[in-house]
Amino acid sequence: MIEFVCPIVMLMLIVAFGASFVRVVIGPSLPDRVVALDMAATIVVAIILTHCIQSGSSYYIPAAISIALLSFVGTVSLALYISKGGSS
């Protein structure tokens, strides 16, 4: 079952990443771009974890955790920047 589902999930995640990347590039405001960038990082983590499930190895899990942590810290710092009156 995993051999059938994982490629479909990967395709769906790649399409979602493309849509998120488009929003990062053409987002009308900084908060839109921040949310889209956070979504793109979440999708990258999901792609990495789907690959781990598909291949049966846990080699890339620390990388996924690191990306998720950096994404969270970056989103929080940009939210503080915007709330303090940064460019919008």
PDB file of N, CA and C in Angstrom:
ATOM      1  N   MET A   1       0.814  -1.197   0.000  1.00  0.00           N
ATOM      2  CA  MET A   1       0.000   0.000   0.000  1.00  0.00           C
ATOM      3  C   MET A   1       0.861   1.266   0.000  1.00  0.00           C
ATOM      4  N   ILE A   2       1.969   1.235   0.766  1.00  0.00           N
ATOM      5  CA  ILE A   2       2.851   2.400   0.829  1.00  0.00           C
ATOM      6  C   ILE A   2       3.463   2.694  -0.535  1.00  0.00           C
ATOM      7  N   GLU A   3       3.765   1.657  -1.307  1.00  0.00           N
ATOM      8  CA  GLU A   3       4.345   1.852  -2.632  1.00  0.00           C
ATOM      9  C   GLU A   3       3.395   2.590  -3.568  1.00  0.00           C
ATOM     10  N   PHE A   4       2.106   2.488  -3.300  1.00  0.00           N
ATOM     11  CA  PHE A   4       1.108   3.149  -4.133  1.00  0.00           C
ATOM     12  C   PHE A   4       0.802   4.561  -3.645  1.00  0.00           C
ATOM     13  N   VAL A   5       0.756   4.738  -2.337  1.00  0.00           N
ATOM     14  CA  VAL A   5       0.314   6.009  -1.763  1.00  0.00           C
ATOM     15  C   VAL A   5       1.421   7.066  -1.753  1.00  0.00           C
ATOM     16  N   CYS A   6       2.652   6.667  -1.443  1.00  0.00           N
ATOM     17  CA  CYS A   6       3.734   7.647  -1.305  1.00  0.00           C
ATOM     18  C   CYS A   6       3.997   8.465  -2.573  1.00  0.00           C
ATOM     19  N   PRO A   7       4.038   7.894  -3.759  1.00  0.00           N
ATOM     20  CA  PRO A   7       4.227   8.754  -4.942  1.00  0.00           C
ATOM     21  C   PRO A   7       3.081   9.748  -5.165  1.00  0.00           C
ATOM     22  N   ILE A   8       1.861   9.338  -4.838  1.00  0.00           N
ATOM     23  CA  ILE A   8       0.720  10.252  -4.976  1.00  0.00           C
ATOM     24  C   ILE A   8       0.843  11.403  -3.981  1.00  0.00           C
ATOM     25  N   VAL A   9       1.227  11.070  -2.761  1.00  0.00           N
ATOM     26  CA  VAL A   9       1.410  12.100  -1.736  1.00  0.00           C
ATOM     27  C   VAL A   9       2.533  13.047  -2.126  1.00  0.00           C
ATOM     28  N   MET A  10       3.625  12.499  -2.660  1.00  0.00           N
ATOM     29  CA  MET A  10       4.741  13.348  -3.098  1.00  0.00           C
ATOM     30  C   MET A  10       4.307  14.312  -4.198  1.00  0.00           C
ATOM     31  N   LEU A  11       3.536  13.823  -5.144  1.00  0.00           N
ATOM     32  CA  LEU A  11       3.044  14.674  -6.220  1.00  0.00           C
ATOM     33  C   LEU A  11       2.153  15.792  -5.676  1.00  0.00           C
ATOM     34  N   MET A  12       1.270  15.443  -4.755  1.00  0.00           N
ATOM     35  CA  MET A  12       0.397  16.455  -4.162  1.00  0.00           C
ATOM     36  C   MET A  12       1.201  17.493  -3.375  1.00  0.00           C
ATOM     37  N   LEU A  13       2.225  17.047  -2.662  1.00  0.00           N
ATOM     38  CA  LEU A  13       3.051  17.979  -1.901  1.00  0.00           C
ATOM     39  C   LEU A  13       3.861  18.889  -2.822  1.00  0.00           C
ATOM     40  N   ILE A  14       4.330  18.370  -3.931  1.00  0.00           N
ATOM     41  CA  ILE A  14       5.086  19.194  -4.875  1.00  0.00           C
ATOM     42  C   ILE A  14       4.187  20.256  -5.502  1.00  0.00           C
ATOM     43  N   VAL A  15       2.957  19.896  -5.826  1.00  0.00           N
ATOM     44  CA  VAL A  15       2.006  20.878  -6.366  1.00  0.00           C
ATOM     45  C   VAL A  15       1.697  21.944  -5.311  1.00  0.00           C
ATOM     46  N   ALA A  16       1.517  21.525  -4.071  1.00  0.00           N
ATOM     47  CA  ALA A  16       1.252  22.484  -2.992  1.00  0.00           C
ATOM     48  C   ALA A  16       2.454  23.395  -2.760  1.00  0.00           C
ATOM     49  N   PHE A  17       3.662  22.837  -2.872  1.00  0.00           N
ATOM     50  CA  PHE A  17       4.859  23.660  -2.731  1.00  0.00           C
ATOM     51  C   PHE A  17       4.942  24.701  -3.848  1.00  0.00           C
ATOM     52  N   GLY A  18       4.589  24.301  -5.054  1.00  0.00           N
ATOM     53  CA  GLY A  18       4.584  25.243  -6.168  1.00  0.00           C
ATOM     54  C   GLY A  18       3.613  26.394  -5.946  1.00  0.00           C
ATOM     55  N   ALA A  19       2.426  26.066  -5.450  1.00  0.00           N
ATOM     56  CA  ALA A  19       1.440  27.115  -5.171  1.00  0.00           C
ATOM     57  C   ALA A  19       1.923  28.036  -4.056  1.00  0.00           C
ATOM     58  N   SER A  20       2.547  27.464  -3.048  1.00  0.00           N
ATOM     59  CA  SER A  20       3.073  28.276  -1.951  1.00  0.00           C
ATOM     60  C   SER A  20       4.221  29.169  -2.430  1.00  0.00           C
ATOM     61  N   PHE A  21       5.067  28.635  -3.296  1.00  0.00           N
ATOM     62  CA  PHE A  21       6.179  29.426  -3.824  1.00  0.00           C
ATOM     63  C   PHE A  21       5.679  30.591  -4.667  1.00  0.00           C
ATOM     64  N   VAL A  22       4.618  30.367  -5.420  1.00  0.00           N
ATOM     65  CA  VAL A  22       4.024  31.451  -6.206  1.00  0.00           C
ATOM     66  C   VAL A  22       3.529  32.556  -5.273  1.00  0.00           C
ATOM     67  N   ARG A  23       2.926  32.180  -4.151  1.00  0.00           N
ATOM     68  CA  ARG A  23       2.437  33.181  -3.199  1.00  0.00           C
ATOM     69  C   ARG A  23       3.600  33.921  -2.544  1.00  0.00           C
ATOM     70  N   VAL A  24       4.732  33.249  -2.336  1.00  0.00           N
ATOM     71  CA  VAL A  24       5.905  33.930  -1.785  1.00  0.00           C
ATOM     72  C   VAL A  24       6.398  34.985  -2.772  1.00  0.00           C
ATOM     73  N   VAL A  25       6.395  34.653  -4.048  1.00  0.00           N
ATOM     74  CA  VAL A  25       6.935  35.570  -5.057  1.00  0.00           C
ATOM     75  C   VAL A  25       5.992  36.734  -5.309  1.00  0.00           C
ATOM     76  N   ILE A  26       4.689  36.488  -5.453  1.00  0.00           N
ATOM     77  CA  ILE A  26       3.774  37.555  -5.847  1.00  0.00           C
ATOM     78  C   ILE A  26       2.872  38.024  -4.713  1.00  0.00           C
ATOM     79  N   GLY A  27       3.173  37.604  -3.489  1.00  0.00           N
ATOM     80  CA  GLY A  27       2.319  38.013  -2.371  1.00  0.00           C
ATOM     81  C   GLY A  27       2.195  39.516  -2.284  1.00  0.00           C
ATOM     82  N   PRO A  28       0.992  40.014  -2.085  1.00  0.00           N
ATOM     83  CA  PRO A  28       0.825  41.471  -2.102  1.00  0.00           C
ATOM     84  C   PRO A  28       1.415  42.174  -0.881  1.00  0.00           C
ATOM     85  N   SER A  29       1.589  41.480   0.220  1.00  0.00           N
ATOM     86  CA  SER A  29       2.123  42.133   1.410  1.00  0.00           C
ATOM     87  C   SER A  29       3.103  41.209   2.122  1.00  0.00           C
ATOM     88  N   LEU A  30       3.848  41.769   3.057  1.00  0.00           N
ATOM     89  CA  LEU A  30       4.836  41.000   3.801  1.00  0.00           C
ATOM     90  C   LEU A  30       4.204  39.892   4.643  1.00  0.00           C
ATOM     91  N   PRO A  31       3.088  40.129   5.345  1.00  0.00           N
ATOM     92  CA  PRO A  31       2.487  39.021   6.099  1.00  0.00           C
ATOM     93  C   PRO A  31       2.061  37.846   5.214  1.00  0.00           C
ATOM     94  N   ASP A  32       1.565  38.133   4.011  1.00  0.00           N
ATOM     95  CA  ASP A  32       1.214  37.051   3.086  1.00  0.00           C
ATOM     96  C   ASP A  32       2.444  36.229   2.709  1.00  0.00           C
ATOM     97  N   ARG A  33       3.537  36.908   2.484  1.00  0.00           N
ATOM     98  CA  ARG A  33       4.775  36.208   2.123  1.00  0.00           C
ATOM     99  C   ARG A  33       5.321  35.392   3.284  1.00  0.00           C
ATOM    100  N   VAL A  34       5.199  35.910   4.501  1.00  0.00           N
ATOM    101  CA  VAL A  34       5.674  35.182   5.677  1.00  0.00           C
ATOM    102  C   VAL A  34       4.868  33.901   5.865  1.00  0.00           C
ATOM    103  N   VAL A  35       3.558  33.991   5.749  1.00  0.00           N
ATOM    104  CA  VAL A  35       2.712  32.804   5.897  1.00  0.00           C
ATOM    105  C   VAL A  35       3.002  31.799   4.783  1.00  0.00           C
ATOM    106  N   ALA A  36       3.189  32.270   3.563  1.00  0.00           N
ATOM    107  CA  ALA A  36       3.490  31.370   2.451  1.00  0.00           C
ATOM    108  C   ALA A  36       4.852  30.714   2.627  1.00  0.00           C
ATOM    109  N   LEU A  37       5.827  31.444   3.142  1.00  0.00           N
ATOM    110  CA  LEU A  37       7.143  30.865   3.381  1.00  0.00           C
ATOM    111  C   LEU A  37       7.097  29.816   4.482  1.00  0.00           C
ATOM    112  N   ASP A  38       6.308  30.065   5.517  1.00  0.00           N
ATOM    113  CA  ASP A  38       6.126  29.077   6.569  1.00  0.00           C
ATOM    114  C   ASP A  38       5.437  27.828   6.019  1.00  0.00           C
ATOM    115  N   MET A  39       4.455  28.019   5.160  1.00  0.00           N
ATOM    116  CA  MET A  39       3.781  26.886   4.537  1.00  0.00           C
ATOM    117  C   MET A  39       4.751  26.098   3.655  1.00  0.00           C
ATOM    118  N   ALA A  40       5.601  26.793   2.916  1.00  0.00           N
ATOM    119  CA  ALA A  40       6.582  26.111   2.065  1.00  0.00           C
ATOM    120  C   ALA A  40       7.549  25.283   2.915  1.00  0.00           C
ATOM    121  N   ALA A  41       7.979  25.813   4.043  1.00  0.00           N
ATOM    122  CA  ALA A  41       8.875  25.058   4.920  1.00  0.00           C
ATOM    123  C   ALA A  41       8.166  23.835   5.493  1.00  0.00           C
ATOM    124  N   THR A  42       6.899  23.976   5.838  1.00  0.00           N
ATOM    125  CA  THR A  42       6.131  22.840   6.338  1.00  0.00           C
ATOM    126  C   THR A  42       5.981  21.766   5.266  1.00  0.00           C
ATOM    127  N   ILE A  43       5.779  22.191   4.037  1.00  0.00           N
ATOM    128  CA  ILE A  43       5.647  21.229   2.934  1.00  0.00           C
ATOM    129  C   ILE A  43       6.975  20.521   2.688  1.00  0.00           C
ATOM    130  N   VAL A  44       8.093  21.248   2.802  1.00  0.00           N
ATOM    131  CA  VAL A  44       9.406  20.613   2.641  1.00  0.00           C
ATOM    132  C   VAL A  44       9.617  19.558   3.722  1.00  0.00           C
ATOM    133  N   VAL A  45       9.225  19.854   4.945  1.00  0.00           N
ATOM    134  CA  VAL A  45       9.323  18.870   6.025  1.00  0.00           C
ATOM    135  C   VAL A  45       8.463  17.650   5.706  1.00  0.00           C
ATOM    136  N   ALA A  46       7.265  17.870   5.196  1.00  0.00           N
ATOM    137  CA  ALA A  46       6.390  16.753   4.840  1.00  0.00           C
ATOM    138  C   ALA A  46       6.983  15.925   3.699  1.00  0.00           C
ATOM    139  N   ILE A  47       7.625  16.576   2.729  1.00  0.00           N
ATOM    140  CA  ILE A  47       8.272  15.849   1.635  1.00  0.00           C
ATOM    141  C   ILE A  47       9.411  14.988   2.169  1.00  0.00           C
ATOM    142  N   ILE A  48      10.214  15.551   3.058  1.00  0.00           N
ATOM    143  CA  ILE A  48      11.316  14.785   3.638  1.00  0.00           C
ATOM    144  C   ILE A  48      10.799  13.578   4.412  1.00  0.00           C
ATOM    145  N   LEU A  49       9.761  13.783   5.212  1.00  0.00           N
ATOM    146  CA  LEU A  49       9.227  12.679   6.010  1.00  0.00           C
ATOM    147  C   LEU A  49       8.542  11.633   5.132  1.00  0.00           C
ATOM    148  N   THR A  50       7.903  12.062   4.058  1.00  0.00           N
ATOM    149  CA  THR A  50       7.312  11.095   3.129  1.00  0.00           C
ATOM    150  C   THR A  50       8.402  10.265   2.458  1.00  0.00           C
ATOM    151  N   HIS A  51       9.502  10.905   2.130  1.00  0.00           N
ATOM    152  CA  HIS A  51      10.627  10.158   1.560  1.00  0.00           C
ATOM    153  C   HIS A  51      11.177   9.148   2.569  1.00  0.00           C
ATOM    154  N   CYS A  52      11.248   9.537   3.831  1.00  0.00           N
ATOM    155  CA  CYS A  52      11.712   8.611   4.869  1.00  0.00           C
ATOM    156  C   CYS A  52      10.786   7.407   4.989  1.00  0.00           C
ATOM    157  N   ILE A  53       9.497   7.643   4.907  1.00  0.00           N
ATOM    158  CA  ILE A  53       8.543   6.534   4.967  1.00  0.00           C
ATOM    159  C   ILE A  53       8.690   5.647   3.742  1.00  0.00           C
ATOM    160  N   GLN A  54       8.837   6.270   2.585  1.00  0.00           N
ATOM    161  CA  GLN A  54       8.927   5.519   1.337  1.00  0.00           C
ATOM    162  C   GLN A  54      10.201   4.678   1.269  1.00  0.00           C
ATOM    163  N   SER A  55      11.311   5.238   1.731  1.00  0.00           N
ATOM    164  CA  SER A  55      12.577   4.510   1.648  1.00  0.00           C
ATOM    165  C   SER A  55      12.807   3.591   2.838  1.00  0.00           C
ATOM    166  N   GLY A  56      12.083   3.815   3.915  1.00  0.00           N
ATOM    167  CA  GLY A  56      12.241   2.968   5.095  1.00  0.00           C
ATOM    168  C   GLY A  56      13.433   3.332   5.965  1.00  0.00           C
ATOM    169  N   SER A  57      14.040   4.481   5.717  1.00  0.00           N
ATOM    170  CA  SER A  57      15.177   4.901   6.538  1.00  0.00           C
ATOM    171  C   SER A  57      14.799   6.126   7.357  1.00  0.00           C
ATOM    172  N   SER A  58      15.521   6.325   8.436  1.00  0.00           N
ATOM    173  CA  SER A  58      15.268   7.487   9.289  1.00  0.00           C
ATOM    174  C   SER A  58      16.450   8.452   9.242  1.00  0.00           C
ATOM    175  N   TYR A  59      17.196   8.425   8.158  1.00  0.00           N
ATOM    176  CA  TYR A  59      18.416   9.215   8.044  1.00  0.00           C
ATOM    177  C   TYR A  59      18.140  10.721   7.981  1.00  0.00           C
ATOM    178  N   TYR A  60      17.048  11.134   7.355  1.00  0.00           N
ATOM    179  CA  TYR A  60      16.774  12.558   7.147  1.00  0.00           C
ATOM    180  C   TYR A  60      15.851  13.170   8.189  1.00  0.00           C
ATOM    181  N   ILE A  61      15.445  12.426   9.179  1.00  0.00           N
ATOM    182  CA  ILE A  61      14.538  12.968  10.198  1.00  0.00           C
ATOM    183  C   ILE A  61      15.162  14.122  10.976  1.00  0.00           C
ATOM    184  N   PRO A  62      16.446  14.067  11.378  1.00  0.00           N
ATOM    185  CA  PRO A  62      17.026  15.255  12.037  1.00  0.00           C
ATOM    186  C   PRO A  62      17.010  16.506  11.151  1.00  0.00           C
ATOM    187  N   ALA A  63      17.178  16.331   9.850  1.00  0.00           N
ATOM    188  CA  ALA A  63      17.110  17.487   8.945  1.00  0.00           C
ATOM    189  C   ALA A  63      15.705  18.065   8.928  1.00  0.00           C
ATOM    190  N   ALA A  64      14.695  17.201   8.926  1.00  0.00           N
ATOM    191  CA  ALA A  64      13.312  17.679   8.941  1.00  0.00           C
ATOM    192  C   ALA A  64      13.011  18.427  10.237  1.00  0.00           C
ATOM    193  N   ILE A  65      13.502  17.908  11.346  1.00  0.00           N
ATOM    194  CA  ILE A  65      13.296  18.584  12.632  1.00  0.00           C
ATOM    195  C   ILE A  65      13.994  19.937  12.641  1.00  0.00           C
ATOM    196  N   SER A  66      15.198  20.004  12.100  1.00  0.00           N
ATOM    197  CA  SER A  66      15.940  21.271  12.049  1.00  0.00           C
ATOM    198  C   SER A  66      15.228  22.300  11.178  1.00  0.00           C
ATOM    199  N   ILE A  67      14.726  21.876  10.034  1.00  0.00           N
ATOM    200  CA  ILE A  67      14.000  22.795   9.149  1.00  0.00           C
ATOM    201  C   ILE A  67      12.732  23.299   9.835  1.00  0.00           C
ATOM    202  N   ALA A  68      12.019  22.414  10.510  1.00  0.00           N
ATOM    203  CA  ALA A  68      10.802  22.830  11.212  1.00  0.00           C
ATOM    204  C   ALA A  68      11.117  23.828  12.324  1.00  0.00           C
ATOM    205  N   LEU A  69      12.190  23.593  13.061  1.00  0.00           N
ATOM    206  CA  LEU A  69      12.571  24.510  14.134  1.00  0.00           C
ATOM    207  C   LEU A  69      12.992  25.870  13.588  1.00  0.00           C
ATOM    208  N   LEU A  70      13.816  25.874  12.537  1.00  0.00           N
ATOM    209  CA  LEU A  70      14.230  27.145  11.937  1.00  0.00           C
ATOM    210  C   LEU A  70      13.045  27.895  11.338  1.00  0.00           C
ATOM    211  N   SER A  71      12.119  27.175  10.761  1.00  0.00           N
ATOM    212  CA  SER A  71      10.923  27.800  10.201  1.00  0.00           C
ATOM    213  C   SER A  71      10.093  28.461  11.296  1.00  0.00           C
ATOM    214  N   PHE A  72       9.940  27.766  12.404  1.00  0.00           N
ATOM    215  CA  PHE A  72       9.171  28.334  13.516  1.00  0.00           C
ATOM    216  C   PHE A  72       9.829  29.589  14.064  1.00  0.00           C
ATOM    217  N   VAL A  73      11.131  29.528  14.292  1.00  0.00           N
ATOM    218  CA  VAL A  73      11.844  30.688  14.833  1.00  0.00           C
ATOM    219  C   VAL A  73      11.791  31.855  13.847  1.00  0.00           C
ATOM    220  N   GLY A  74      11.962  31.567  12.569  1.00  0.00           N
ATOM    221  CA  GLY A  74      11.895  32.632  11.572  1.00  0.00           C
ATOM    222  C   GLY A  74      10.521  33.268  11.480  1.00  0.00           C
ATOM    223  N   THR A  75       9.473  32.456  11.554  1.00  0.00           N
ATOM    224  CA  THR A  75       8.119  32.989  11.491  1.00  0.00           C
ATOM    225  C   THR A  75       7.809  33.853  12.706  1.00  0.00           C
ATOM    226  N   VAL A  76       8.220  33.406  13.872  1.00  0.00           N
ATOM    227  CA  VAL A  76       7.980  34.188  15.088  1.00  0.00           C
ATOM    228  C   VAL A  76       8.753  35.504  15.041  1.00  0.00           C
ATOM    229  N   SER A  77       9.996  35.464  14.583  1.00  0.00           N
ATOM    230  CA  SER A  77      10.778  36.702  14.529  1.00  0.00           C
ATOM    231  C   SER A  77      10.209  37.682  13.505  1.00  0.00           C
ATOM    232  N   LEU A  78       9.766  37.176  12.357  1.00  0.00           N
ATOM    233  CA  LEU A  78       9.148  38.077  11.382  1.00  0.00           C
ATOM    234  C   LEU A  78       7.806  38.616  11.874  1.00  0.00           C
ATOM    235  N   ALA A  79       7.060  37.815  12.628  1.00  0.00           N
ATOM    236  CA  ALA A  79       5.801  38.308  13.200  1.00  0.00           C
ATOM    237  C   ALA A  79       6.070  39.417  14.214  1.00  0.00           C
ATOM    238  N   LEU A  80       7.123  39.264  15.005  1.00  0.00           N
ATOM    239  CA  LEU A  80       7.479  40.343  15.948  1.00  0.00           C
ATOM    240  C   LEU A  80       7.921  41.586  15.205  1.00  0.00           C
ATOM    241  N   TYR A  81       8.664  41.421  14.140  1.00  0.00           N
ATOM    242  CA  TYR A  81       9.100  42.549  13.327  1.00  0.00           C
ATOM    243  C   TYR A  81       7.921  43.312  12.736  1.00  0.00           C
ATOM    244  N   ILE A  82       6.944  42.559  12.226  1.00  0.00           N
ATOM    245  CA  ILE A  82       5.769  43.199  11.639  1.00  0.00           C
ATOM    246  C   ILE A  82       4.920  43.878  12.711  1.00  0.00           C
ATOM    247  N   SER A  83       4.792  43.251  13.890  1.00  0.00           N
ATOM    248  CA  SER A  83       3.971  43.833  14.948  1.00  0.00           C
ATOM    249  C   SER A  83       4.596  45.095  15.534  1.00  0.00           C
ATOM    250  N   LYS A  84       5.918  45.231  15.440  1.00  0.00           N
ATOM    251  CA  LYS A  84       6.582  46.423  15.945  1.00  0.00           C
ATOM    252  C   LYS A  84       6.537  47.584  14.955  1.00  0.00           C
ATOM    253  N   GLY A  85       5.902  47.362  13.817  1.00  0.00           N
ATOM    254  CA  GLY A  85       5.761  48.443  12.845  1.00  0.00           C
ATOM    255  C   GLY A  85       6.727  48.344  11.691  1.00  0.00           C
ATOM    256  N   GLY A  86       7.214  47.160  11.408  1.00  0.00           N
ATOM    257  CA  GLY A  86       8.111  46.959  10.274  1.00  0.00           C
ATOM    258  C   GLY A  86       7.386  47.188   8.967  1.00  0.00           C
ATOM    259  N   SER A  87       8.124  47.087   7.882  1.00  0.00           N
ATOM    260  CA  SER A  87       7.517  47.338   6.581  1.00  0.00           C
ATOM    261  C   SER A  87       6.435  46.306   6.288  1.00  0.00           C
ATOM    262  N   SER A  88       5.369  46.746   5.644  1.00  0.00           N
ATOM    263  CA  SER A  88       4.258  45.828   5.356  1.00  0.00           C
ATOM    264  C   SER A  88       3.887  45.778   3.930  1.00  0.00           C
TER     265      SER A  88
END
